[in-house]
PDB file of all heavy atoms in Angstrom:
ATOM      1  N   GLU A   1     -23.143  10.867  -1.030  1.00  0.00           N
ATOM      2  CA  GLU A   1     -24.429  11.362  -0.533  1.00  0.00           C
ATOM      3  C   GLU A   1     -25.260  10.213   0.041  1.00  0.00           C
ATOM      4  O   GLU A   1     -25.899  10.353   1.095  1.00  0.00           O
ATOM      5  CB  GLU A   1     -25.186  12.049  -1.670  1.00  0.00           C
ATOM      6  CG  GLU A   1     -26.542  12.603  -1.281  1.00  0.00           C
ATOM      7  CD  GLU A   1     -27.286  13.183  -2.478  1.00  0.00           C
ATOM      8  OE1 GLU A   1     -26.650  13.913  -3.265  1.00  0.00           O
ATOM      9  OE2 GLU A   1     -28.477  12.885  -2.617  1.00  0.00           O
ATOM     10  N   LEU A   2     -25.225   9.067  -0.631  1.00  0.00           N
ATOM     11  CA  LEU A   2     -25.978   7.912  -0.143  1.00  0.00           C
ATOM     12  C   LEU A   2     -25.390   7.391   1.166  1.00  0.00           C
ATOM     13  O   LEU A   2     -26.120   7.049   2.102  1.00  0.00           O
ATOM     14  CB  LEU A   2     -25.986   6.796  -1.193  1.00  0.00           C
ATOM     15  CG  LEU A   2     -26.678   7.125  -2.519  1.00  0.00           C
ATOM     16  CD1 LEU A   2     -26.617   5.930  -3.465  1.00  0.00           C
ATOM     17  CD2 LEU A   2     -28.121   7.559  -2.292  1.00  0.00           C
ATOM     18  N   LEU A   3     -24.059   7.335   1.246  1.00  0.00           N
ATOM     19  CA  LEU A   3     -23.415   6.899   2.487  1.00  0.00           C
ATOM     20  C   LEU A   3     -23.782   7.827   3.643  1.00  0.00           C
ATOM     21  O   LEU A   3     -23.907   7.398   4.787  1.00  0.00           O
ATOM     22  CB  LEU A   3     -21.896   6.867   2.309  1.00  0.00           C
ATOM     23  CG  LEU A   3     -21.338   5.766   1.400  1.00  0.00           C
ATOM     24  CD1 LEU A   3     -19.842   5.965   1.190  1.00  0.00           C
ATOM     25  CD2 LEU A   3     -21.615   4.384   1.974  1.00  0.00           C
ATOM     26  N   GLU A   4     -23.962   9.097   3.314  1.00  0.00           N
ATOM     27  CA  GLU A   4     -24.255  10.093   4.349  1.00  0.00           C
ATOM     28  C   GLU A   4     -25.722  10.090   4.772  1.00  0.00           C
ATOM     29  O   GLU A   4     -26.034  10.302   5.945  1.00  0.00           O
ATOM     30  CB  GLU A   4     -23.881  11.487   3.829  1.00  0.00           C
ATOM     31  CG  GLU A   4     -24.095  12.592   4.836  1.00  0.00           C
ATOM     32  CD  GLU A   4     -23.669  13.951   4.307  1.00  0.00           C
ATOM     33  OE1 GLU A   4     -23.203  14.015   3.152  1.00  0.00           O
ATOM     34  OE2 GLU A   4     -23.807  14.931   5.043  1.00  0.00           O
ATOM     35  N   THR A   5     -26.629   9.816   3.848  1.00  0.00           N
ATOM     36  CA  THR A   5     -28.049  10.052   4.133  1.00  0.00           C
ATOM     37  C   THR A   5     -28.912   8.795   4.301  1.00  0.00           C
ATOM     38  O   THR A   5     -29.920   8.831   5.004  1.00  0.00           O
ATOM     39  CB  THR A   5     -28.677  10.903   3.018  1.00  0.00           C
ATOM     40  OG1 THR A   5     -28.549  10.205   1.768  1.00  0.00           O
ATOM     41  CG2 THR A   5     -27.977  12.251   2.913  1.00  0.00           C
ATOM     42  N   VAL A   6     -28.549   7.693   3.651  1.00  0.00           N
ATOM     43  CA  VAL A   6     -29.423   6.521   3.668  1.00  0.00           C
ATOM     44  C   VAL A   6     -29.421   5.858   5.045  1.00  0.00           C
ATOM     45  O   VAL A   6     -28.371   5.636   5.651  1.00  0.00           O
ATOM     46  CB  VAL A   6     -29.003   5.498   2.592  1.00  0.00           C
ATOM     47  CG1 VAL A   6     -29.796   4.203   2.741  1.00  0.00           C
ATOM     48  CG2 VAL A   6     -29.207   6.088   1.205  1.00  0.00           C
ATOM     49  N   ASP A   7     -30.606   5.545   5.524  1.00  0.00           N
ATOM     50  CA  ASP A   7     -30.776   4.833   6.795  1.00  0.00           C
ATOM     51  C   ASP A   7     -31.886   3.801   6.612  1.00  0.00           C
ATOM     52  O   ASP A   7     -33.069   4.136   6.626  1.00  0.00           O
ATOM     53  CB  ASP A   7     -31.131   5.822   7.905  1.00  0.00           C
ATOM     54  CG  ASP A   7     -31.199   5.158   9.279  1.00  0.00           C
ATOM     55  OD1 ASP A   7     -31.142   3.913   9.347  1.00  0.00           O
ATOM     56  OD2 ASP A   7     -31.321   5.893  10.282  1.00  0.00           O
ATOM     57  N   LEU A   8     -31.497   2.546   6.430  1.00  0.00           N
ATOM     58  CA  LEU A   8     -32.462   1.471   6.176  1.00  0.00           C
ATOM     59  C   LEU A   8     -32.738   0.632   7.427  1.00  0.00           C
ATOM     60  O   LEU A   8     -33.341  -0.434   7.336  1.00  0.00           O
ATOM     61  CB  LEU A   8     -31.930   0.548   5.071  1.00  0.00           C
ATOM     62  CG  LEU A   8     -31.717   1.165   3.686  1.00  0.00           C
ATOM     63  CD1 LEU A   8     -31.199   0.108   2.712  1.00  0.00           C
ATOM     64  CD2 LEU A   8     -32.999   1.787   3.150  1.00  0.00           C
ATOM     65  N   ARG A   9     -32.294   1.101   8.588  1.00  0.00           N
ATOM     66  CA  ARG A   9     -32.409   0.279   9.801  1.00  0.00           C
ATOM     67  C   ARG A   9     -33.836  -0.186  10.064  1.00  0.00           C
ATOM     68  O   ARG A   9     -34.065  -1.356  10.350  1.00  0.00           O
ATOM     69  CB  ARG A   9     -31.862   1.051  11.003  1.00  0.00           C
ATOM     70  CG  ARG A   9     -30.346   1.154  11.022  1.00  0.00           C
ATOM     71  CD  ARG A   9     -29.871   1.973  12.211  1.00  0.00           C
ATOM     72  NE  ARG A   9     -30.230   3.372  12.081  1.00  0.00           N
ATOM     73  CZ  ARG A   9     -30.075   4.288  13.037  1.00  0.00           C
ATOM     74  NH1 ARG A   9     -29.562   3.924  14.205  1.00  0.00           N
ATOM     75  NH2 ARG A   9     -30.423   5.554  12.828  1.00  0.00           N
ATOM     76  N   GLN A  10     -34.782   0.718   9.970  1.00  0.00           N
ATOM     77  CA  GLN A  10     -36.175   0.347  10.231  1.00  0.00           C
ATOM     78  C   GLN A  10     -36.769  -0.434   9.060  1.00  0.00           C
ATOM     79  O   GLN A  10     -37.471  -1.433   9.253  1.00  0.00           O
ATOM     80  CB  GLN A  10     -37.007   1.607  10.503  1.00  0.00           C
ATOM     81  CG  GLN A  10     -38.455   1.313  10.902  1.00  0.00           C
ATOM     82  CD  GLN A  10     -38.561   0.425  12.130  1.00  0.00           C
ATOM     83  OE1 GLN A  10     -37.822   0.599  13.102  1.00  0.00           O
ATOM     84  NE2 GLN A  10     -39.463  -0.546  12.099  1.00  0.00           N
ATOM     85  N   SER A  11     -36.481  -0.007   7.841  1.00  0.00           N
ATOM     86  CA  SER A  11     -37.053  -0.659   6.652  1.00  0.00           C
ATOM     87  C   SER A  11     -36.697  -2.139   6.592  1.00  0.00           C
ATOM     88  O   SER A  11     -37.515  -2.981   6.208  1.00  0.00           O
ATOM     89  CB  SER A  11     -36.555   0.035   5.379  1.00  0.00           C
ATOM     90  OG  SER A  11     -36.936   1.383   5.352  1.00  0.00           O
ATOM     91  N   LEU A  12     -35.466  -2.488   6.981  1.00  0.00           N
ATOM     92  CA  LEU A  12     -34.994  -3.863   6.840  1.00  0.00           C
ATOM     93  C   LEU A  12     -35.608  -4.827   7.853  1.00  0.00           C
ATOM     94  O   LEU A  12     -35.432  -6.035   7.735  1.00  0.00           O
ATOM     95  CB  LEU A  12     -33.469  -3.903   6.929  1.00  0.00           C
ATOM     96  CG  LEU A  12     -32.747  -3.401   5.669  1.00  0.00           C
ATOM     97  CD1 LEU A  12     -31.257  -3.231   5.920  1.00  0.00           C
ATOM     98  CD2 LEU A  12     -32.981  -4.347   4.493  1.00  0.00           C
ATOM     99  N   THR A  13     -36.363  -4.306   8.813  1.00  0.00           N
ATOM    100  CA  THR A  13     -37.076  -5.215   9.718  1.00  0.00           C
ATOM    101  C   THR A  13     -38.158  -5.986   8.960  1.00  0.00           C
ATOM    102  O   THR A  13     -38.603  -7.034   9.407  1.00  0.00           O
ATOM    103  CB  THR A  13     -37.721  -4.452  10.891  1.00  0.00           C
ATOM    104  OG1 THR A  13     -38.619  -3.456  10.373  1.00  0.00           O
ATOM    105  CG2 THR A  13     -36.649  -3.771  11.742  1.00  0.00           C
ATOM    106  N   ALA A  14     -38.568  -5.458   7.803  1.00  0.00           N
ATOM    107  CA  ALA A  14     -39.605  -6.108   6.996  1.00  0.00           C
ATOM    108  C   ALA A  14     -39.035  -7.140   6.036  1.00  0.00           C
ATOM    109  O   ALA A  14     -39.784  -7.842   5.344  1.00  0.00           O
ATOM    110  CB  ALA A  14     -40.380  -5.060   6.203  1.00  0.00           C
ATOM    111  N   LEU A  15     -37.705  -7.255   5.968  1.00  0.00           N
ATOM    112  CA  LEU A  15     -37.077  -8.185   5.027  1.00  0.00           C
ATOM    113  C   LEU A  15     -37.442  -9.628   5.376  1.00  0.00           C
ATOM    114  O   LEU A  15     -37.305 -10.056   6.518  1.00  0.00           O
ATOM    115  CB  LEU A  15     -35.557  -8.012   5.077  1.00  0.00           C
ATOM    116  CG  LEU A  15     -34.767  -8.607   3.927  1.00  0.00           C
ATOM    117  CD1 LEU A  15     -34.977  -7.777   2.673  1.00  0.00           C
ATOM    118  CD2 LEU A  15     -33.282  -8.645   4.282  1.00  0.00           C
ATOM    119  N   SER A  16     -37.910 -10.366   4.382  1.00  0.00           N
ATOM    120  CA  SER A  16     -38.356 -11.750   4.636  1.00  0.00           C
ATOM    121  C   SER A  16     -37.375 -12.792   4.105  1.00  0.00           C
ATOM    122  O   SER A  16     -37.428 -13.957   4.508  1.00  0.00           O
ATOM    123  CB  SER A  16     -39.730 -11.970   3.992  1.00  0.00           C
ATOM    124  OG  SER A  16     -39.680 -11.727   2.589  1.00  0.00           O
ATOM    125  N   GLN A  17     -36.490 -12.394   3.202  1.00  0.00           N
ATOM    126  CA  GLN A  17     -35.548 -13.353   2.621  1.00  0.00           C
ATOM    127  C   GLN A  17     -34.462 -13.737   3.630  1.00  0.00           C
ATOM    128  O   GLN A  17     -34.146 -12.963   4.537  1.00  0.00           O
ATOM    129  CB  GLN A  17     -34.863 -12.758   1.381  1.00  0.00           C
ATOM    130  CG  GLN A  17     -35.781 -12.348   0.279  1.00  0.00           C
ATOM    131  CD  GLN A  17     -36.170 -10.886   0.375  1.00  0.00           C
ATOM    132  OE1 GLN A  17     -36.309 -10.324   1.464  1.00  0.00           O
ATOM    133  NE2 GLN A  17     -36.358 -10.247  -0.776  1.00  0.00           N
ATOM    134  N   PRO A  18     -33.869 -14.924   3.458  1.00  0.00           N
ATOM    135  CA  PRO A  18     -32.673 -15.254   4.239  1.00  0.00           C
ATOM    136  C   PRO A  18     -31.599 -14.199   3.988  1.00  0.00           C
ATOM    137  O   PRO A  18     -31.357 -13.810   2.846  1.00  0.00           O
ATOM    138  CB  PRO A  18     -32.252 -16.623   3.687  1.00  0.00           C
ATOM    139  CG  PRO A  18     -33.519 -17.209   3.122  1.00  0.00           C
ATOM    140  CD  PRO A  18     -34.284 -16.035   2.575  1.00  0.00           C
ATOM    141  N   TRP A  19     -30.968 -13.757   5.057  1.00  0.00           N
ATOM    142  CA  TRP A  19     -30.016 -12.645   4.965  1.00  0.00           C
ATOM    143  C   TRP A  19     -28.756 -12.994   5.745  1.00  0.00           C
ATOM    144  O   TRP A  19     -28.830 -13.340   6.926  1.00  0.00           O
ATOM    145  CB  TRP A  19     -30.681 -11.388   5.511  1.00  0.00           C
ATOM    146  CG  TRP A  19     -29.818 -10.157   5.561  1.00  0.00           C
ATOM    147  CD1 TRP A  19     -28.648  -9.933   4.919  1.00  0.00           C
ATOM    148  CD2 TRP A  19     -30.105  -8.958   6.304  1.00  0.00           C
ATOM    149  NE1 TRP A  19     -28.165  -8.674   5.205  1.00  0.00           N
ATOM    150  CE2 TRP A  19     -29.039  -8.055   6.049  1.00  0.00           C
ATOM    151  CE3 TRP A  19     -31.150  -8.565   7.144  1.00  0.00           C
ATOM    152  CZ2 TRP A  19     -29.004  -6.793   6.631  1.00  0.00           C
ATOM    153  CZ3 TRP A  19     -31.106  -7.308   7.714  1.00  0.00           C
ATOM    154  CH2 TRP A  19     -30.048  -6.425   7.452  1.00  0.00           C
ATOM    155  N   LEU A  20     -27.620 -12.892   5.076  1.00  0.00           N
ATOM    156  CA  LEU A  20     -26.328 -13.139   5.705  1.00  0.00           C
ATOM    157  C   LEU A  20     -25.544 -11.834   5.752  1.00  0.00           C
ATOM    158  O   LEU A  20     -25.314 -11.203   4.726  1.00  0.00           O
ATOM    159  CB  LEU A  20     -25.540 -14.199   4.926  1.00  0.00           C
ATOM    160  CG  LEU A  20     -24.108 -14.485   5.409  1.00  0.00           C
ATOM    161  CD1 LEU A  20     -24.119 -15.043   6.830  1.00  0.00           C
ATOM    162  CD2 LEU A  20     -23.408 -15.449   4.457  1.00  0.00           C
ATOM    163  N   ARG A  21     -25.126 -11.448   6.951  1.00  0.00           N
ATOM    164  CA  ARG A  21     -24.334 -10.227   7.141  1.00  0.00           C
ATOM    165  C   ARG A  21     -22.886 -10.620   7.459  1.00  0.00           C
ATOM    166  O   ARG A  21     -22.635 -11.343   8.423  1.00  0.00           O
ATOM    167  CB  ARG A  21     -24.918  -9.393   8.284  1.00  0.00           C
ATOM    168  CG  ARG A  21     -26.338  -8.900   8.029  1.00  0.00           C
ATOM    169  CD  ARG A  21     -26.946  -8.179   9.240  1.00  0.00           C
ATOM    170  NE  ARG A  21     -27.279  -9.103  10.317  1.00  0.00           N
ATOM    171  CZ  ARG A  21     -26.649  -9.163  11.486  1.00  0.00           C
ATOM    172  NH1 ARG A  21     -25.626  -8.350  11.738  1.00  0.00           N
ATOM    173  NH2 ARG A  21     -27.019 -10.024  12.409  1.00  0.00           N
ATOM    174  N   LEU A  22     -21.949 -10.144   6.652  1.00  0.00           N
ATOM    175  CA  LEU A  22     -20.532 -10.484   6.826  1.00  0.00           C
ATOM    176  C   LEU A  22     -19.751  -9.255   7.260  1.00  0.00           C
ATOM    177  O   LEU A  22     -19.944  -8.158   6.709  1.00  0.00           O
ATOM    178  CB  LEU A  22     -19.943 -11.028   5.521  1.00  0.00           C
ATOM    179  CG  LEU A  22     -20.642 -12.249   4.901  1.00  0.00           C
ATOM    180  CD1 LEU A  22     -19.920 -12.689   3.640  1.00  0.00           C
ATOM    181  CD2 LEU A  22     -20.691 -13.395   5.906  1.00  0.00           C
ATOM    182  N   TYR A  23     -18.864  -9.441   8.242  1.00  0.00           N
ATOM    183  CA  TYR A  23     -18.113  -8.323   8.801  1.00  0.00           C
ATOM    184  C   TYR A  23     -16.639  -8.670   8.951  1.00  0.00           C
ATOM    185  O   TYR A  23     -16.274  -9.829   9.132  1.00  0.00           O
ATOM    186  CB  TYR A  23     -18.642  -7.955  10.195  1.00  0.00           C
ATOM    187  CG  TYR A  23     -20.093  -7.580  10.230  1.00  0.00           C
ATOM    188  CD1 TYR A  23     -21.070  -8.526  10.515  1.00  0.00           C
ATOM    189  CD2 TYR A  23     -20.492  -6.273   9.966  1.00  0.00           C
ATOM    190  CE1 TYR A  23     -22.415  -8.186  10.549  1.00  0.00           C
ATOM    191  CE2 TYR A  23     -21.837  -5.923   9.997  1.00  0.00           C
ATOM    192  CZ  TYR A  23     -22.795  -6.880  10.289  1.00  0.00           C
ATOM    193  OH  TYR A  23     -24.118  -6.543  10.310  1.00  0.00           O
ATOM    194  N   GLY A  24     -15.805  -7.631   8.905  1.00  0.00           N
ATOM    195  CA  GLY A  24     -14.404  -7.750   9.302  1.00  0.00           C
ATOM    196  C   GLY A  24     -14.275  -7.153  10.696  1.00  0.00           C
ATOM    197  O   GLY A  24     -14.688  -6.010  10.919  1.00  0.00           O
ATOM    198  N   ARG A  25     -13.718  -7.898  11.619  1.00  0.00           N
ATOM    199  CA  ARG A  25     -13.628  -7.417  13.009  1.00  0.00           C
ATOM    200  C   ARG A  25     -12.804  -6.137  13.112  1.00  0.00           C
ATOM    201  O   ARG A  25     -13.005  -5.330  14.011  1.00  0.00           O
ATOM    202  CB  ARG A  25     -13.025  -8.513  13.897  1.00  0.00           C
ATOM    203  CG  ARG A  25     -13.018  -8.180  15.396  1.00  0.00           C
ATOM    204  CD  ARG A  25     -12.441  -9.320  16.224  1.00  0.00           C
ATOM    205  NE  ARG A  25     -11.042  -9.551  15.887  1.00  0.00           N
ATOM    206  CZ  ARG A  25     -10.023  -8.875  16.393  1.00  0.00           C
ATOM    207  NH1 ARG A  25     -10.240  -7.903  17.270  1.00  0.00           N
ATOM    208  NH2 ARG A  25      -8.780  -9.151  16.051  1.00  0.00           N
ATOM    209  N   LEU A  26     -11.880  -5.927  12.189  1.00  0.00           N
ATOM    210  CA  LEU A  26     -10.979  -4.781  12.247  1.00  0.00           C
ATOM    211  C   LEU A  26     -11.407  -3.637  11.323  1.00  0.00           C
ATOM    212  O   LEU A  26     -10.642  -2.708  11.090  1.00  0.00           O
ATOM    213  CB  LEU A  26      -9.554  -5.237  11.882  1.00  0.00           C
ATOM    214  CG  LEU A  26      -9.017  -6.412  12.702  1.00  0.00           C
ATOM    215  CD1 LEU A  26      -7.663  -6.872  12.175  1.00  0.00           C
ATOM    216  CD2 LEU A  26      -8.917  -6.053  14.179  1.00  0.00           C
ATOM    217  N   ASP A  27     -12.626  -3.709  10.814  1.00  0.00           N
ATOM    218  CA  ASP A  27     -13.129  -2.738   9.845  1.00  0.00           C
ATOM    219  C   ASP A  27     -13.243  -1.346  10.464  1.00  0.00           C
ATOM    220  O   ASP A  27     -13.911  -1.160  11.483  1.00  0.00           O
ATOM    221  CB  ASP A  27     -14.497  -3.199   9.336  1.00  0.00           C
ATOM    222  CG  ASP A  27     -14.943  -2.477   8.078  1.00  0.00           C
ATOM    223  OD1 ASP A  27     -14.430  -1.379   7.804  1.00  0.00           O
ATOM    224  OD2 ASP A  27     -15.811  -3.013   7.378  1.00  0.00           O
TER     225      ASP A  27
END
């Protein structure tokens, strides 16, 4: 349900801490 409904895209613009996003190119 959380995977389906949660959308933090706008909320995270307010994040002030250092943030590292890690991805797999083939994900």
